[in-house]
């Protein structure tokens, strides 16, 4: 048997609030999605002024990051990104059309070495989406550190 941590609505809301605060700080309108370890949506918020395409894209980024246990931009990162032409996972996004995102803005939520969910951010450029996504992860780290838990907060996460 294995004991597991479960991401709940309280933590998802905390992460979204931190992401929104960072978005406002850098003057970008974002959509933020938080999913559980099965890629199921827990919380979603589209900021006023954010693109109407943001919810579907943010959910896909969070789903991909959680399910594949890596930051979504790593699929296309030179030189060995697995989804790059000629590499082992070229075309992987076609396996789950509309659900699998291989570009910047998705981050697995890793607590004590285990993926417990994902965060997806859509609306800014790559640099902005990374800043907003990592702000959400940092907020979760601050929230759980008194419980002796550790959250990965860097942009490049691969488990």
Protein backbone atom coordinates (compact mmCIF):
# COMPACT_ATOMS: atom_id res chain seq x y z
CA UNK A 1 0.00 0.00 0.00
CA UNK A 2 1.02 3.54 -0.63
CA UNK A 3 -0.14 6.72 1.04
CA UNK A 4 -0.76 9.56 -1.37
CA UNK A 5 -1.29 13.29 -1.21
CA UNK A 6 -4.38 14.70 -2.93
CA UNK A 7 -4.68 18.20 -4.28
CA UNK A 8 -7.93 19.80 -3.11
CA UNK A 9 -9.95 22.88 -3.95
CA UNK A 10 -8.38 24.94 -1.13
CA UNK A 11 -4.90 24.53 -2.62
CA UNK A 12 -6.15 25.03 -6.17
CA UNK A 13 -7.79 28.33 -5.24
CA UNK A 14 -4.65 29.46 -3.42
CA UNK A 15 -2.57 28.71 -6.52
CA UNK A 16 -4.99 30.54 -8.81
CA UNK A 17 -4.95 33.63 -6.59
CA UNK A 18 -1.14 33.71 -6.63
CA UNK A 19 -1.13 33.25 -10.41
CA UNK A 20 -3.62 36.09 -10.85
CA UNK A 21 -1.57 38.35 -8.60
CA UNK A 22 1.54 37.68 -10.69
CA UNK A 23 -0.46 38.22 -13.89
CA UNK A 24 -1.61 41.62 -12.67
CA UNK A 25 1.94 42.49 -11.60
CA UNK A 26 3.28 41.81 -15.11
CA UNK A 27 0.20 43.26 -16.86
CA UNK A 28 -1.08 40.19 -18.68
CA UNK A 29 -4.56 38.67 -18.76
CA UNK A 30 -4.32 34.93 -18.12
CA UNK A 31 -6.49 31.86 -17.76
CA UNK A 32 -5.30 29.49 -15.05
CA UNK A 33 -6.34 25.84 -14.72
CA UNK A 34 -5.54 23.41 -11.92
CA UNK A 35 -6.06 19.67 -12.40
CA UNK A 36 -5.60 16.65 -10.14
CA UNK A 37 -3.25 13.72 -10.70
CA UNK A 38 -5.73 12.20 -13.16
CA UNK A 39 -5.91 15.38 -15.23
CA UNK A 40 -9.40 16.21 -13.98
CA UNK A 41 -10.19 19.88 -13.57
CA UNK A 42 -10.35 21.16 -9.99
CA UNK A 43 -10.44 24.91 -10.62
CA UNK A 44 -10.33 27.33 -13.53
CA UNK A 45 -10.34 31.09 -13.76
CA UNK A 46 -10.24 33.31 -16.81
CA UNK A 47 -9.27 36.83 -15.86
CA UNK A 48 -11.29 39.73 -17.21
CA UNK A 49 -9.84 40.60 -20.59
CA UNK A 50 -8.26 37.16 -21.14
CA UNK A 51 -8.75 35.44 -24.49
CA UNK A 52 -11.82 33.27 -24.92
CA UNK A 53 -9.58 30.43 -26.12
CA UNK A 54 -7.71 30.43 -22.81
CA UNK A 55 -9.79 27.91 -20.85
CA UNK A 56 -9.39 25.03 -23.32
CA UNK A 57 -5.70 25.75 -23.79
CA UNK A 58 -4.96 26.11 -20.06
CA UNK A 59 -6.81 22.87 -19.28
CA UNK A 60 -4.86 21.02 -21.99
CA UNK A 61 -1.56 22.34 -20.64
CA UNK A 62 -2.42 21.31 -17.07
CA UNK A 63 -3.66 17.88 -18.24
CA UNK A 64 -0.48 17.25 -20.24
CA UNK A 65 1.85 18.39 -17.44
CA UNK A 66 0.09 16.22 -14.88
CA UNK A 67 -0.28 13.16 -17.05
CA UNK A 68 3.16 13.23 -18.62
CA UNK A 69 4.94 14.45 -15.47
CA UNK A 70 6.86 17.24 -17.17
CA UNK A 71 6.63 20.92 -18.00
CA UNK A 72 4.98 21.16 -21.39
CA UNK A 73 7.67 23.33 -22.97
CA UNK A 74 10.21 20.54 -22.48
CA UNK A 75 8.55 18.61 -25.32
CA UNK A 76 9.95 21.15 -27.80
CA UNK A 77 13.11 22.28 -26.04
CA UNK A 78 16.19 22.04 -28.25
CA UNK A 79 18.06 19.87 -28.89
CA UNK A 80 16.42 16.74 -27.46
CA UNK A 81 12.77 17.66 -26.90
CA UNK A 82 10.95 14.40 -27.55
CA UNK A 83 8.24 16.04 -29.71
CA UNK A 84 10.70 17.71 -32.07
CA UNK A 85 10.82 16.36 -35.65
CA UNK A 86 12.90 13.19 -35.80
CA UNK A 87 12.71 12.54 -32.06
CA UNK A 88 10.96 9.65 -30.32
CA UNK A 89 7.67 11.40 -29.51
CA UNK A 90 7.24 13.50 -32.65
CA UNK A 91 3.48 13.90 -33.19
CA UNK A 92 2.53 12.85 -29.65
CA UNK A 93 0.02 15.71 -29.44
CA UNK A 94 -2.03 13.94 -32.13
CA UNK A 95 -2.74 11.03 -29.78
CA UNK A 96 -5.17 13.08 -27.69
CA UNK A 97 -6.29 15.86 -30.03
CA UNK A 98 -7.29 18.98 -28.14
CA UNK A 99 -6.09 17.60 -24.82
CA UNK A 100 -2.33 17.30 -25.24
CA UNK A 101 -0.31 20.54 -25.32
CA UNK A 102 3.39 20.59 -26.17
CA UNK A 103 4.16 24.26 -25.77
CA UNK A 104 4.97 26.56 -22.86
CA UNK A 105 2.57 27.06 -19.95
CA UNK A 106 1.95 23.68 -18.32
CA UNK A 107 3.68 22.52 -15.14
CA UNK A 108 3.27 19.36 -13.08
CA UNK A 109 2.52 19.92 -9.42
CA UNK A 110 5.16 17.81 -7.67
CA UNK A 111 5.00 17.40 -3.89
CA UNK A 112 7.63 15.30 -2.13
CA UNK A 113 8.64 13.82 -5.48
CA UNK A 114 5.12 12.76 -6.51
CA UNK A 115 3.00 14.38 -9.21
CA UNK A 116 -0.31 15.33 -7.60
CA UNK A 117 -1.69 17.51 -10.38
CA UNK A 118 -0.90 20.16 -12.93
CA UNK A 119 -1.21 23.88 -13.53
CA UNK A 120 -1.87 25.32 -16.95
CA UNK A 121 -1.54 28.98 -17.90
CA UNK A 122 -2.66 30.60 -21.14
CA UNK A 123 -2.73 34.20 -22.26
CA UNK A 124 0.76 35.62 -22.19
CA UNK A 125 3.94 34.96 -24.09
CA UNK A 126 6.13 32.08 -22.98
CA UNK A 127 8.08 34.11 -20.45
CA UNK A 128 4.89 35.50 -18.92
CA UNK A 129 3.18 32.09 -18.74
CA UNK A 130 6.25 30.68 -16.99
CA UNK A 131 6.29 33.52 -14.45
CA UNK A 132 2.59 33.03 -13.69
CA UNK A 133 2.84 29.23 -13.49
CA UNK A 134 5.85 29.24 -11.20
CA UNK A 135 4.12 31.84 -8.97
CA UNK A 136 1.29 29.34 -8.49
CA UNK A 137 3.77 26.59 -7.57
CA UNK A 138 5.63 28.91 -5.18
CA UNK A 139 2.36 29.76 -3.42
CA UNK A 140 1.66 26.07 -2.88
CA UNK A 141 5.19 25.60 -1.51
CA UNK A 142 4.65 28.39 1.03
CA UNK A 143 1.30 26.90 1.98
CA UNK A 144 2.59 23.37 2.69
CA UNK A 145 6.11 23.96 3.98
CA UNK A 146 4.95 24.10 7.61
CA UNK A 147 3.64 20.54 7.10
CA UNK A 148 7.14 19.44 6.08
CA UNK A 149 6.19 19.08 2.41
CA UNK A 150 8.30 20.20 -0.54
CA UNK A 151 7.00 21.48 -3.90
CA UNK A 152 9.09 21.80 -7.07
CA UNK A 153 8.85 25.43 -8.18
CA UNK A 154 11.26 25.76 -11.10
CA UNK A 155 10.06 26.09 -14.70
CA UNK A 156 11.79 22.97 -16.04
CA UNK A 157 10.21 20.00 -14.25
CA UNK A 158 10.57 16.43 -15.44
CA UNK A 159 9.81 13.43 -13.23
